[in-house]
PDB file of all heavy atoms in Angstrom:
ATOM      1  N   SER A   1      31.264 -30.116 -64.557  1.00  0.00           N
ATOM      2  CA  SER A   1      30.725 -29.563 -63.323  1.00  0.00           C
ATOM      3  C   SER A   1      31.732 -29.916 -62.169  1.00  0.00           C
ATOM      4  O   SER A   1      31.588 -29.487 -61.096  1.00  0.00           O
ATOM      5  CB  SER A   1      29.365 -30.061 -63.010  1.00  0.00           C
ATOM      6  OG  SER A   1      29.241 -31.501 -62.928  1.00  0.00           O
ATOM      7  N   GLN A   2      32.679 -30.753 -62.441  1.00  0.00           N
ATOM      8  CA  GLN A   2      33.589 -31.248 -61.420  1.00  0.00           C
ATOM      9  C   GLN A   2      34.740 -30.223 -61.153  1.00  0.00           C
ATOM     10  O   GLN A   2      35.115 -29.495 -62.079  1.00  0.00           O
ATOM     11  CB  GLN A   2      34.275 -32.612 -61.835  1.00  0.00           C
ATOM     12  CG  GLN A   2      33.220 -33.738 -62.000  1.00  0.00           C
ATOM     13  CD  GLN A   2      33.860 -34.992 -62.596  1.00  0.00           C
ATOM     14  OE1 GLN A   2      34.781 -34.851 -63.423  1.00  0.00           O
ATOM     15  NE2 GLN A   2      33.416 -36.106 -62.135  1.00  0.00           N
ATOM     16  N   THR A   3      35.202 -30.117 -59.974  1.00  0.00           N
ATOM     17  CA  THR A   3      36.255 -29.216 -59.699  1.00  0.00           C
ATOM     18  C   THR A   3      37.568 -29.798 -60.055  1.00  0.00           C
ATOM     19  O   THR A   3      38.578 -29.122 -60.388  1.00  0.00           O
ATOM     20  CB  THR A   3      36.275 -28.907 -58.211  1.00  0.00           C
ATOM     21  OG1 THR A   3      36.368 -30.086 -57.366  1.00  0.00           O
ATOM     22  CG2 THR A   3      35.036 -28.133 -57.730  1.00  0.00           C
ATOM     23  N   GLU A   4      37.640 -31.167 -60.062  1.00  0.00           N
ATOM     24  CA  GLU A   4      38.870 -31.802 -60.571  1.00  0.00           C
ATOM     25  C   GLU A   4      38.473 -32.776 -61.667  1.00  0.00           C
ATOM     26  O   GLU A   4      37.539 -33.542 -61.600  1.00  0.00           O
ATOM     27  CB  GLU A   4      39.568 -32.695 -59.399  1.00  0.00           C
ATOM     28  CG  GLU A   4      40.132 -31.732 -58.335  1.00  0.00           C
ATOM     29  CD  GLU A   4      41.003 -32.581 -57.312  1.00  0.00           C
ATOM     30  OE1 GLU A   4      40.897 -33.765 -57.406  1.00  0.00           O
ATOM     31  OE2 GLU A   4      41.654 -31.911 -56.487  1.00  0.00           O
ATOM     32  N   ILE A   5      39.273 -32.742 -62.711  1.00  0.00           N
ATOM     33  CA  ILE A   5      38.902 -33.474 -63.999  1.00  0.00           C
ATOM     34  C   ILE A   5      39.989 -34.476 -64.267  1.00  0.00           C
ATOM     35  O   ILE A   5      41.284 -34.093 -64.066  1.00  0.00           O
ATOM     36  CB  ILE A   5      38.715 -32.559 -65.174  1.00  0.00           C
ATOM     37  CG1 ILE A   5      37.783 -31.387 -64.816  1.00  0.00           C
ATOM     38  CG2 ILE A   5      38.169 -33.334 -66.394  1.00  0.00           C
ATOM     39  CD1 ILE A   5      37.748 -30.264 -65.874  1.00  0.00           C
ATOM     40  N   SER A   6      39.739 -35.717 -64.705  1.00  0.00           N
ATOM     41  CA  SER A   6      40.793 -36.680 -64.901  1.00  0.00           C
ATOM     42  C   SER A   6      41.476 -36.448 -66.253  1.00  0.00           C
ATOM     43  O   SER A   6      40.942 -35.890 -67.155  1.00  0.00           O
ATOM     44  CB  SER A   6      40.119 -38.142 -64.830  1.00  0.00           C
ATOM     45  OG  SER A   6      39.149 -38.197 -65.860  1.00  0.00           O
ATOM     46  N   ALA A   7      42.764 -36.810 -66.235  1.00  0.00           N
ATOM     47  CA  ALA A   7      43.543 -36.730 -67.411  1.00  0.00           C
ATOM     48  C   ALA A   7      42.935 -37.649 -68.555  1.00  0.00           C
ATOM     49  O   ALA A   7      42.354 -38.691 -68.254  1.00  0.00           O
ATOM     50  CB  ALA A   7      45.025 -37.188 -67.174  1.00  0.00           C
ATOM     51  N   GLY A   8      42.955 -37.203 -69.795  1.00  0.00           N
ATOM     52  CA  GLY A   8      42.400 -37.854 -70.859  1.00  0.00           C
ATOM     53  C   GLY A   8      40.950 -37.484 -71.110  1.00  0.00           C
ATOM     54  O   GLY A   8      40.423 -37.823 -72.147  1.00  0.00           O
ATOM     55  N   SER A   9      40.388 -36.732 -70.235  1.00  0.00           N
ATOM     56  CA  SER A   9      39.120 -36.177 -70.431  1.00  0.00           C
ATOM     57  C   SER A   9      39.087 -34.915 -71.353  1.00  0.00           C
ATOM     58  O   SER A   9      40.126 -34.175 -71.327  1.00  0.00           O
ATOM     59  CB  SER A   9      38.391 -35.756 -69.206  1.00  0.00           C
ATOM     60  OG  SER A   9      38.208 -36.941 -68.324  1.00  0.00           O
ATOM     61  N   SER A  10      38.085 -34.732 -72.171  1.00  0.00           N
ATOM     62  CA  SER A  10      37.922 -33.488 -72.967  1.00  0.00           C
ATOM     63  C   SER A  10      37.103 -32.441 -72.169  1.00  0.00           C
ATOM     64  O   SER A  10      36.162 -32.769 -71.458  1.00  0.00           O
ATOM     65  CB  SER A  10      37.169 -33.824 -74.292  1.00  0.00           C
ATOM     66  OG  SER A  10      36.980 -32.702 -75.039  1.00  0.00           O
ATOM     67  N   VAL A  11      37.601 -31.237 -72.166  1.00  0.00           N
ATOM     68  CA  VAL A  11      36.919 -30.140 -71.559  1.00  0.00           C
ATOM     69  C   VAL A  11      36.735 -28.934 -72.439  1.00  0.00           C
ATOM     70  O   VAL A  11      37.631 -28.683 -73.249  1.00  0.00           O
ATOM     71  CB  VAL A  11      37.620 -29.717 -70.248  1.00  0.00           C
ATOM     72  CG1 VAL A  11      39.006 -29.182 -70.555  1.00  0.00           C
ATOM     73  CG2 VAL A  11      36.846 -28.708 -69.416  1.00  0.00           C
ATOM     74  N   SER A  12      35.582 -28.304 -72.334  1.00  0.00           N
ATOM     75  CA  SER A  12      35.284 -27.138 -73.132  1.00  0.00           C
ATOM     76  C   SER A  12      35.115 -25.983 -72.235  1.00  0.00           C
ATOM     77  O   SER A  12      34.311 -26.068 -71.253  1.00  0.00           O
ATOM     78  CB  SER A  12      34.066 -27.270 -74.056  1.00  0.00           C
ATOM     79  OG  SER A  12      34.318 -28.219 -75.044  1.00  0.00           O
ATOM     80  N   LEU A  13      35.780 -24.868 -72.493  1.00  0.00           N
ATOM     81  CA  LEU A  13      35.715 -23.611 -71.661  1.00  0.00           C
ATOM     82  C   LEU A  13      35.126 -22.567 -72.544  1.00  0.00           C
ATOM     83  O   LEU A  13      35.630 -22.192 -73.591  1.00  0.00           O
ATOM     84  CB  LEU A  13      37.038 -23.201 -71.156  1.00  0.00           C
ATOM     85  CG  LEU A  13      37.902 -24.201 -70.385  1.00  0.00           C
ATOM     86  CD1 LEU A  13      39.292 -23.615 -69.979  1.00  0.00           C
ATOM     87  CD2 LEU A  13      37.131 -24.598 -69.130  1.00  0.00           C
ATOM     88  N   SER A  14      33.889 -22.073 -72.096  1.00  0.00           N
ATOM     89  CA  SER A  14      33.125 -21.158 -72.979  1.00  0.00           C
ATOM     90  C   SER A  14      33.252 -19.755 -72.276  1.00  0.00           C
ATOM     91  O   SER A  14      32.964 -19.534 -71.165  1.00  0.00           O
ATOM     92  CB  SER A  14      31.691 -21.531 -73.028  1.00  0.00           C
ATOM     93  OG  SER A  14      30.962 -20.602 -73.762  1.00  0.00           O
ATOM     94  N   CYS A  15      33.805 -18.856 -73.073  1.00  0.00           N
ATOM     95  CA  CYS A  15      34.108 -17.449 -72.584  1.00  0.00           C
ATOM     96  C   CYS A  15      33.105 -16.498 -73.359  1.00  0.00           C
ATOM     97  O   CYS A  15      33.111 -16.458 -74.576  1.00  0.00           O
ATOM     98  CB  CYS A  15      35.471 -17.021 -72.837  1.00  0.00           C
ATOM     99  SG  CYS A  15      35.866 -15.343 -72.238  1.00  0.00           S
ATOM    100  N   GLN A  16      32.316 -15.844 -72.519  1.00  0.00           N
ATOM    101  CA  GLN A  16      31.220 -15.028 -73.146  1.00  0.00           C
ATOM    102  C   GLN A  16      31.288 -13.574 -72.563  1.00  0.00           C
ATOM    103  O   GLN A  16      31.481 -13.443 -71.346  1.00  0.00           O
ATOM    104  CB  GLN A  16      29.810 -15.627 -72.942  1.00  0.00           C
ATOM    105  CG  GLN A  16      28.754 -14.841 -73.639  1.00  0.00           C
ATOM    106  CD  GLN A  16      27.483 -15.676 -73.756  1.00  0.00           C
ATOM    107  OE1 GLN A  16      27.389 -16.870 -73.393  1.00  0.00           O
ATOM    108  NE2 GLN A  16      26.427 -14.991 -74.239  1.00  0.00           N
ATOM    109  N   LEU A  17      31.071 -12.583 -73.438  1.00  0.00           N
ATOM    110  CA  LEU A  17      30.985 -11.201 -72.900  1.00  0.00           C
ATOM    111  C   LEU A  17      29.473 -10.879 -72.975  1.00  0.00           C
ATOM    112  O   LEU A  17      28.863 -10.901 -74.013  1.00  0.00           O
ATOM    113  CB  LEU A  17      31.753 -10.285 -73.846  1.00  0.00           C
ATOM    114  CG  LEU A  17      31.805  -8.842 -73.536  1.00  0.00           C
ATOM    115  CD1 LEU A  17      32.452  -8.624 -72.162  1.00  0.00           C
ATOM    116  CD2 LEU A  17      32.447  -7.978 -74.591  1.00  0.00           C
ATOM    117  N   TYR A  18      28.947 -10.501 -71.749  1.00  0.00           N
ATOM    118  CA  TYR A  18      27.553 -10.140 -71.648  1.00  0.00           C
ATOM    119  C   TYR A  18      27.441  -8.625 -71.730  1.00  0.00           C
ATOM    120  O   TYR A  18      28.068  -7.942 -70.905  1.00  0.00           O
ATOM    121  CB  TYR A  18      27.015 -10.625 -70.332  1.00  0.00           C
ATOM    122  CG  TYR A  18      26.846 -12.221 -70.269  1.00  0.00           C
ATOM    123  CD1 TYR A  18      27.951 -12.910 -69.904  1.00  0.00           C
ATOM    124  CD2 TYR A  18      25.710 -12.843 -70.489  1.00  0.00           C
ATOM    125  CE1 TYR A  18      27.836 -14.336 -69.933  1.00  0.00           C
ATOM    126  CE2 TYR A  18      25.513 -14.178 -70.518  1.00  0.00           C
ATOM    127  CZ  TYR A  18      26.652 -14.951 -70.179  1.00  0.00           C
ATOM    128  OH  TYR A  18      26.523 -16.327 -70.106  1.00  0.00           O
ATOM    129  N   SER A  19      26.646  -8.072 -72.589  1.00  0.00           N
ATOM    130  CA  SER A  19      26.590  -6.678 -72.784  1.00  0.00           C
ATOM    131  C   SER A  19      25.133  -6.234 -72.888  1.00  0.00           C
ATOM    132  O   SER A  19      24.269  -7.022 -73.379  1.00  0.00           O
ATOM    133  CB  SER A  19      27.275  -6.283 -74.168  1.00  0.00           C
ATOM    134  OG  SER A  19      28.701  -6.430 -74.006  1.00  0.00           O
ATOM    135  N   TYR A  20      24.859  -4.977 -72.576  1.00  0.00           N
ATOM    136  CA  TYR A  20      23.579  -4.404 -72.701  1.00  0.00           C
ATOM    137  C   TYR A  20      23.045  -4.499 -74.099  1.00  0.00           C
ATOM    138  O   TYR A  20      23.731  -4.224 -75.084  1.00  0.00           O
ATOM    139  CB  TYR A  20      23.649  -2.923 -72.228  1.00  0.00           C
ATOM    140  CG  TYR A  20      22.442  -2.072 -72.469  1.00  0.00           C
ATOM    141  CD1 TYR A  20      21.200  -2.485 -71.906  1.00  0.00           C
ATOM    142  CD2 TYR A  20      22.438  -0.870 -73.075  1.00  0.00           C
ATOM    143  CE1 TYR A  20      20.105  -1.675 -72.020  1.00  0.00           C
ATOM    144  CE2 TYR A  20      21.292  -0.047 -73.272  1.00  0.00           C
ATOM    145  CZ  TYR A  20      20.165  -0.540 -72.671  1.00  0.00           C
ATOM    146  OH  TYR A  20      19.006   0.200 -72.783  1.00  0.00           O
ATOM    147  N   ASP A  21      21.792  -4.881 -74.212  1.00  0.00           N
ATOM    148  CA  ASP A  21      21.223  -5.188 -75.571  1.00  0.00           C
ATOM    149  C   ASP A  21      21.241  -3.985 -76.491  1.00  0.00           C
ATOM    150  O   ASP A  21      21.400  -4.092 -77.675  1.00  0.00           O
ATOM    151  CB  ASP A  21      19.713  -5.659 -75.473  1.00  0.00           C
ATOM    152  CG  ASP A  21      19.634  -6.980 -74.916  1.00  0.00           C
ATOM    153  OD1 ASP A  21      20.651  -7.621 -74.681  1.00  0.00           O
ATOM    154  OD2 ASP A  21      18.511  -7.442 -74.668  1.00  0.00           O
ATOM    155  N   GLY A  22      21.214  -2.724 -75.810  1.00  0.00           N
ATOM    156  CA  GLY A  22      21.313  -1.536 -76.678  1.00  0.00           C
ATOM    157  C   GLY A  22      22.670  -1.294 -77.152  1.00  0.00           C
ATOM    158  O   GLY A  22      22.857  -0.436 -78.148  1.00  0.00           O
ATOM    159  N   VAL A  23      23.774  -1.821 -76.551  1.00  0.00           N
ATOM    160  CA  VAL A  23      25.014  -1.618 -76.970  1.00  0.00           C
ATOM    161  C   VAL A  23      25.734  -2.978 -76.904  1.00  0.00           C
ATOM    162  O   VAL A  23      26.646  -3.174 -76.056  1.00  0.00           O
ATOM    163  CB  VAL A  23      25.782  -0.583 -76.047  1.00  0.00           C
ATOM    164  CG1 VAL A  23      27.133  -0.168 -76.710  1.00  0.00           C
ATOM    165  CG2 VAL A  23      24.935   0.660 -75.776  1.00  0.00           C
ATOM    166  N   SER A  24      25.465  -3.786 -77.749  1.00  0.00           N
ATOM    167  CA  SER A  24      25.942  -5.213 -77.833  1.00  0.00           C
ATOM    168  C   SER A  24      27.435  -5.335 -78.088  1.00  0.00           C
ATOM    169  O   SER A  24      28.015  -4.375 -78.712  1.00  0.00           O
ATOM    170  CB  SER A  24      25.141  -6.083 -78.779  1.00  0.00           C
ATOM    171  OG  SER A  24      25.561  -5.834 -80.082  1.00  0.00           O
ATOM    172  N   CYS A  25      28.061  -6.497 -77.719  1.00  0.00           N
ATOM    173  CA  CYS A  25      29.437  -6.663 -77.996  1.00  0.00           C
ATOM    174  C   CYS A  25      29.660  -6.759 -79.474  1.00  0.00           C
ATOM    175  O   CYS A  25      30.835  -6.465 -80.026  1.00  0.00           O
ATOM    176  CB  CYS A  25      29.995  -7.884 -77.267  1.00  0.00           C
ATOM    177  SG  CYS A  25      29.139  -9.379 -77.611  1.00  0.00           S
ATOM    178  N   ASP A  26      28.700  -7.106 -80.284  1.00  0.00           N
ATOM    179  CA  ASP A  26      28.777  -7.117 -81.725  1.00  0.00           C
ATOM    180  C   ASP A  26      29.148  -5.729 -82.203  1.00  0.00           C
ATOM    181  O   ASP A  26      30.046  -5.527 -83.051  1.00  0.00           O
ATOM    182  CB  ASP A  26      27.477  -7.528 -82.445  1.00  0.00           C
ATOM    183  CG  ASP A  26      27.198  -8.992 -82.301  1.00  0.00           C
ATOM    184  OD1 ASP A  26      28.081  -9.734 -81.992  1.00  0.00           O
ATOM    185  OD2 ASP A  26      26.072  -9.457 -82.567  1.00  0.00           O
ATOM    186  N   TYR A  27      28.535  -4.662 -81.643  1.00  0.00           N
ATOM    187  CA  TYR A  27      28.854  -3.291 -81.988  1.00  0.00           C
ATOM    188  C   TYR A  27      30.221  -2.988 -81.556  1.00  0.00           C
ATOM    189  O   TYR A  27      30.946  -2.359 -82.297  1.00  0.00           O
ATOM    190  CB  TYR A  27      27.821  -2.409 -81.285  1.00  0.00           C
ATOM    191  CG  TYR A  27      28.216  -0.946 -81.307  1.00  0.00           C
ATOM    192  CD1 TYR A  27      27.990  -0.173 -82.433  1.00  0.00           C
ATOM    193  CD2 TYR A  27      28.938  -0.322 -80.275  1.00  0.00           C
ATOM    194  CE1 TYR A  27      28.403   1.135 -82.568  1.00  0.00           C
ATOM    195  CE2 TYR A  27      29.313   0.969 -80.291  1.00  0.00           C
ATOM    196  CZ  TYR A  27      29.063   1.759 -81.488  1.00  0.00           C
ATOM    197  OH  TYR A  27      29.435   3.043 -81.557  1.00  0.00           O
ATOM    198  N   TRP A  28      30.697  -3.332 -80.390  1.00  0.00           N
ATOM    199  CA  TRP A  28      32.039  -2.892 -79.929  1.00  0.00           C
ATOM    200  C   TRP A  28      33.163  -3.602 -80.779  1.00  0.00           C
ATOM    201  O   TRP A  28      34.112  -3.147 -81.022  1.00  0.00           O
ATOM    202  CB  TRP A  28      32.173  -3.283 -78.408  1.00  0.00           C
ATOM    203  CG  TRP A  28      31.360  -2.436 -77.597  1.00  0.00           C
ATOM    204  CD1 TRP A  28      30.288  -2.727 -76.878  1.00  0.00           C
ATOM    205  CD2 TRP A  28      31.533  -1.047 -77.429  1.00  0.00           C
ATOM    206  NE1 TRP A  28      29.761  -1.597 -76.255  1.00  0.00           N
ATOM    207  CE2 TRP A  28      30.441  -0.550 -76.619  1.00  0.00           C
ATOM    208  CE3 TRP A  28      32.468  -0.113 -77.943  1.00  0.00           C
ATOM    209  CZ2 TRP A  28      30.352   0.772 -76.213  1.00  0.00           C
ATOM    210  CZ3 TRP A  28      32.289   1.206 -77.583  1.00  0.00           C
ATOM    211  CH2 TRP A  28      31.283   1.664 -76.848  1.00  0.00           C
ATOM    212  N   ILE A  29      32.836  -4.858 -81.199  1.00  0.00           N
ATOM    213  CA  ILE A  29      33.757  -5.649 -81.932  1.00  0.00           C
ATOM    214  C   ILE A  29      33.968  -4.941 -83.291  1.00  0.00           C
ATOM    215  O   ILE A  29      35.055  -4.816 -83.839  1.00  0.00           O
ATOM    216  CB  ILE A  29      33.423  -7.129 -82.060  1.00  0.00           C
ATOM    217  CG1 ILE A  29      33.698  -7.759 -80.682  1.00  0.00           C
ATOM    218  CG2 ILE A  29      34.204  -7.805 -83.156  1.00  0.00           C
ATOM    219  CD1 ILE A  29      33.206  -9.203 -80.572  1.00  0.00           C
ATOM    220  N   SER A  30      32.817  -4.546 -83.910  1.00  0.00           N
ATOM    221  CA  SER A  30      32.831  -4.086 -85.293  1.00  0.00           C
ATOM    222  C   SER A  30      33.299  -2.621 -85.324  1.00  0.00           C
ATOM    223  O   SER A  30      33.998  -2.234 -86.280  1.00  0.00           O
ATOM    224  CB  SER A  30      31.471  -4.188 -85.891  1.00  0.00           C
ATOM    225  OG  SER A  30      30.483  -3.427 -85.150  1.00  0.00           O
ATOM    226  N   SER A  31      33.035  -1.778 -84.309  1.00  0.00           N
ATOM    227  CA  SER A  31      33.291  -0.399 -84.492  1.00  0.00           C
ATOM    228  C   SER A  31      34.400   0.132 -83.542  1.00  0.00           C
ATOM    229  O   SER A  31      35.045   1.054 -83.788  1.00  0.00           O
ATOM    230  CB  SER A  31      32.000   0.458 -84.075  1.00  0.00           C
ATOM    231  OG  SER A  31      31.705   0.227 -82.687  1.00  0.00           O
ATOM    232  N   GLU A  32      34.746  -0.635 -82.430  1.00  0.00           N
ATOM    233  CA  GLU A  32      35.731  -0.149 -81.529  1.00  0.00           C
ATOM    234  C   GLU A  32      36.940  -1.138 -81.424  1.00  0.00           C
ATOM    235  O   GLU A  32      37.813  -0.913 -80.644  1.00  0.00           O
ATOM    236  CB  GLU A  32      35.110  -0.020 -80.111  1.00  0.00           C
ATOM    237  CG  GLU A  32      33.959   1.000 -80.011  1.00  0.00           C
ATOM    238  CD  GLU A  32      34.513   2.450 -80.188  1.00  0.00           C
ATOM    239  OE1 GLU A  32      35.726   2.713 -80.065  1.00  0.00           O
ATOM    240  OE2 GLU A  32      33.698   3.355 -80.501  1.00  0.00           O
ATOM    241  N   GLY A  33      36.979  -2.145 -82.207  1.00  0.00           N
ATOM    242  CA  GLY A  33      38.115  -3.007 -82.180  1.00  0.00           C
ATOM    243  C   GLY A  33      38.192  -3.968 -81.008  1.00  0.00           C
ATOM    244  O   GLY A  33      39.305  -4.410 -80.636  1.00  0.00           O
ATOM    245  N   ILE A  34      37.109  -4.115 -80.289  1.00  0.00           N
ATOM    246  CA  ILE A  34      37.065  -5.040 -79.136  1.00  0.00           C
ATOM    247  C   ILE A  34      37.088  -6.516 -79.634  1.00  0.00           C
ATOM    248  O   ILE A  34      36.471  -6.893 -80.651  1.00  0.00           O
ATOM    249  CB  ILE A  34      35.723  -4.934 -78.357  1.00  0.00           C
ATOM    250  CG1 ILE A  34      35.629  -3.442 -77.748  1.00  0.00           C
ATOM    251  CG2 ILE A  34      35.619  -5.967 -77.205  1.00  0.00           C
ATOM    252  CD1 ILE A  34      36.739  -3.172 -76.737  1.00  0.00           C
TER     253      ILE A  34
END
């Protein structure tokens, strides 16, 4: 939650695609090559 992180610290960056439930990103990845 810090804007500045000290060297030696581990950080995880989570990238998520939010999609309409009726046309989920699972569908786009499997059928459209997303």
